[in-house]
């Protein structure tokens, strides 16, 4: 391929939509900020919108996980399905020295 040709890479994330990992990290940062504000004795005008944003973000995370996994992320929910661990022994041959015939 010449240096002037363009290469196309497939991505799994839609443009403009944050991934679940990004949303989780943002929620954890917001929780840390909330703890700092509470520790400093900030007023309700600062704390309430931050708490609402955290609740909205957690709801979006839960919705994205359900849409991705197809099951409820809450283990107490009736439609919760545990992740299945699959073995690789059936998919790959055993390791060893190649035999010559």
C-alpha atoms as a PDB file:
ATOM      1  CA  UNK A   1       0.000   0.000   0.000  1.00  0.00           C
ATOM      2  CA  UNK A   2       1.416   3.370  -0.902  1.00  0.00           C
ATOM      3  CA  UNK A   3       1.653   6.095   1.677  1.00  0.00           C
ATOM      4  CA  UNK A   4      -1.041   8.114  -0.101  1.00  0.00           C
ATOM      5  CA  UNK A   5      -3.731   5.441   0.108  1.00  0.00           C
ATOM      6  CA  UNK A   6      -6.262   5.717   2.864  1.00  0.00           C
ATOM      7  CA  UNK A   7      -6.834   2.878   5.263  1.00  0.00           C
ATOM      8  CA  UNK A   8     -10.260   2.235   6.735  1.00  0.00           C
ATOM      9  CA  UNK A   9     -10.534   0.751  10.221  1.00  0.00           C
ATOM     10  CA  UNK A  10     -13.759  -0.684  11.561  1.00  0.00           C
ATOM     11  CA  UNK A  11     -14.847   0.741  14.892  1.00  0.00           C
ATOM     12  CA  UNK A  12     -17.471  -0.589  17.271  1.00  0.00           C
ATOM     13  CA  UNK A  13     -18.485   2.744  18.737  1.00  0.00           C
ATOM     14  CA  UNK A  14     -21.036   4.965  17.048  1.00  0.00           C
ATOM     15  CA  UNK A  15     -19.998   8.540  16.494  1.00  0.00           C
ATOM     16  CA  UNK A  16     -21.166  10.741  19.331  1.00  0.00           C
ATOM     17  CA  UNK A  17     -22.014   7.901  21.720  1.00  0.00           C
ATOM     18  CA  UNK A  18     -19.707   7.250  24.672  1.00  0.00           C
ATOM     19  CA  UNK A  19     -18.796   3.659  25.434  1.00  0.00           C
ATOM     20  CA  UNK A  20     -19.851   1.905  28.624  1.00  0.00           C
ATOM     21  CA  UNK A  21     -16.314   2.145  30.002  1.00  0.00           C
ATOM     22  CA  UNK A  22     -16.219   5.889  29.342  1.00  0.00           C
ATOM     23  CA  UNK A  23     -19.579   6.347  31.048  1.00  0.00           C
ATOM     24  CA  UNK A  24     -18.416   4.332  34.078  1.00  0.00           C
ATOM     25  CA  UNK A  25     -15.239   6.381  34.419  1.00  0.00           C
ATOM     26  CA  UNK A  26     -17.227   9.600  34.114  1.00  0.00           C
ATOM     27  CA  UNK A  27     -19.636   8.406  36.813  1.00  0.00           C
ATOM     28  CA  UNK A  28     -16.763   7.558  39.141  1.00  0.00           C
ATOM     29  CA  UNK A  29     -15.220  11.002  38.574  1.00  0.00           C
ATOM     30  CA  UNK A  30     -18.555  12.660  39.297  1.00  0.00           C
ATOM     31  CA  UNK A  31     -18.913  10.625  42.511  1.00  0.00           C
ATOM     32  CA  UNK A  32     -15.444  11.741  43.605  1.00  0.00           C
ATOM     33  CA  UNK A  33     -16.397  15.349  42.886  1.00  0.00           C
ATOM     34  CA  UNK A  34     -19.600  14.917  44.869  1.00  0.00           C
ATOM     35  CA  UNK A  35     -17.660  13.563  47.852  1.00  0.00           C
ATOM     36  CA  UNK A  36     -15.295  16.539  47.662  1.00  0.00           C
ATOM     37  CA  UNK A  37     -18.176  19.022  47.497  1.00  0.00           C
ATOM     38  CA  UNK A  38     -19.892  17.366  50.464  1.00  0.00           C
ATOM     39  CA  UNK A  39     -16.630  17.416  52.419  1.00  0.00           C
ATOM     40  CA  UNK A  40     -16.227  21.125  51.795  1.00  0.00           C
ATOM     41  CA  UNK A  41     -19.792  21.838  52.861  1.00  0.00           C
ATOM     42  CA  UNK A  42     -21.065  22.992  49.476  1.00  0.00           C
ATOM     43  CA  UNK A  43     -24.665  24.120  49.176  1.00  0.00           C
ATOM     44  CA  UNK A  44     -27.594  22.185  47.807  1.00  0.00           C
ATOM     45  CA  UNK A  45     -27.486  24.255  44.602  1.00  0.00           C
ATOM     46  CA  UNK A  46     -24.209  22.525  43.722  1.00  0.00           C
ATOM     47  CA  UNK A  47     -24.920  19.067  45.081  1.00  0.00           C
ATOM     48  CA  UNK A  48     -28.426  18.359  43.716  1.00  0.00           C
ATOM     49  CA  UNK A  49     -27.640  18.796  39.990  1.00  0.00           C
ATOM     50  CA  UNK A  50     -24.538  16.651  40.415  1.00  0.00           C
ATOM     51  CA  UNK A  51     -26.555  13.898  42.099  1.00  0.00           C
ATOM     52  CA  UNK A  52     -29.132  14.025  39.297  1.00  0.00           C
ATOM     53  CA  UNK A  53     -26.398  13.769  36.685  1.00  0.00           C
ATOM     54  CA  UNK A  54     -24.921  10.737  38.466  1.00  0.00           C
ATOM     55  CA  UNK A  55     -28.355   9.036  38.599  1.00  0.00           C
ATOM     56  CA  UNK A  56     -28.940   9.748  34.895  1.00  0.00           C
ATOM     57  CA  UNK A  57     -25.507   8.408  34.010  1.00  0.00           C
ATOM     58  CA  UNK A  58     -26.015   5.227  36.060  1.00  0.00           C
ATOM     59  CA  UNK A  59     -29.375   4.687  34.355  1.00  0.00           C
ATOM     60  CA  UNK A  60     -27.725   5.130  30.949  1.00  0.00           C
ATOM     61  CA  UNK A  61     -25.020   2.634  31.915  1.00  0.00           C
ATOM     62  CA  UNK A  62     -27.598   0.085  33.037  1.00  0.00           C
ATOM     63  CA  UNK A  63     -29.609   0.603  29.847  1.00  0.00           C
ATOM     64  CA  UNK A  64     -26.484   0.208  27.676  1.00  0.00           C
ATOM     65  CA  UNK A  65     -25.486  -2.977  29.500  1.00  0.00           C
ATOM     66  CA  UNK A  66     -28.946  -4.457  29.041  1.00  0.00           C
ATOM     67  CA  UNK A  67     -28.932  -3.516  25.352  1.00  0.00           C
ATOM     68  CA  UNK A  68     -25.468  -5.000  24.869  1.00  0.00           C
ATOM     69  CA  UNK A  69     -25.850  -8.144  26.958  1.00  0.00           C
ATOM     70  CA  UNK A  70     -29.535  -8.814  26.556  1.00  0.00           C
ATOM     71  CA  UNK A  71     -29.979  -9.528  30.266  1.00  0.00           C
ATOM     72  CA  UNK A  72     -30.522  -7.435  33.337  1.00  0.00           C
ATOM     73  CA  UNK A  73     -27.286  -6.343  35.080  1.00  0.00           C
ATOM     74  CA  UNK A  74     -28.971  -6.771  38.480  1.00  0.00           C
ATOM     75  CA  UNK A  75     -28.306 -10.281  39.884  1.00  0.00           C
ATOM     76  CA  UNK A  76     -31.550 -10.129  41.893  1.00  0.00           C
ATOM     77  CA  UNK A  77     -33.681  -9.540  38.798  1.00  0.00           C
ATOM     78  CA  UNK A  78     -35.709 -12.521  37.538  1.00  0.00           C
ATOM     79  CA  UNK A  79     -34.288 -12.318  33.990  1.00  0.00           C
ATOM     80  CA  UNK A  80     -30.628 -12.165  35.089  1.00  0.00           C
ATOM     81  CA  UNK A  81     -28.335 -14.527  33.232  1.00  0.00           C
ATOM     82  CA  UNK A  82     -24.877 -15.301  34.520  1.00  0.00           C
ATOM     83  CA  UNK A  83     -22.039 -14.924  32.015  1.00  0.00           C
ATOM     84  CA  UNK A  84     -21.005 -18.262  30.574  1.00  0.00           C
ATOM     85  CA  UNK A  85     -17.336 -19.208  30.759  1.00  0.00           C
ATOM     86  CA  UNK A  86     -16.378 -21.195  27.703  1.00  0.00           C
ATOM     87  CA  UNK A  87     -13.421 -23.471  27.379  1.00  0.00           C
ATOM     88  CA  UNK A  88     -10.961 -23.125  24.552  1.00  0.00           C
ATOM     89  CA  UNK A  89     -10.039 -26.810  24.406  1.00  0.00           C
ATOM     90  CA  UNK A  90     -12.556 -27.531  21.649  1.00  0.00           C
ATOM     91  CA  UNK A  91     -11.547 -24.561  19.536  1.00  0.00           C
ATOM     92  CA  UNK A  92      -7.771 -24.914  19.500  1.00  0.00           C
ATOM     93  CA  UNK A  93      -5.580 -27.975  18.991  1.00  0.00           C
ATOM     94  CA  UNK A  94      -3.345 -29.076  21.875  1.00  0.00           C
ATOM     95  CA  UNK A  95       0.100 -27.553  22.067  1.00  0.00           C
ATOM     96  CA  UNK A  96       3.089 -29.676  21.335  1.00  0.00           C
ATOM     97  CA  UNK A  97       5.800 -30.359  18.851  1.00  0.00           C
ATOM     98  CA  UNK A  98       4.619 -30.798  15.311  1.00  0.00           C
ATOM     99  CA  UNK A  99       4.967 -34.369  14.124  1.00  0.00           C
ATOM    100  CA  UNK A 100       6.547 -35.196  10.828  1.00  0.00           C
ATOM    101  CA  UNK A 101       5.225 -37.935   8.654  1.00  0.00           C
END
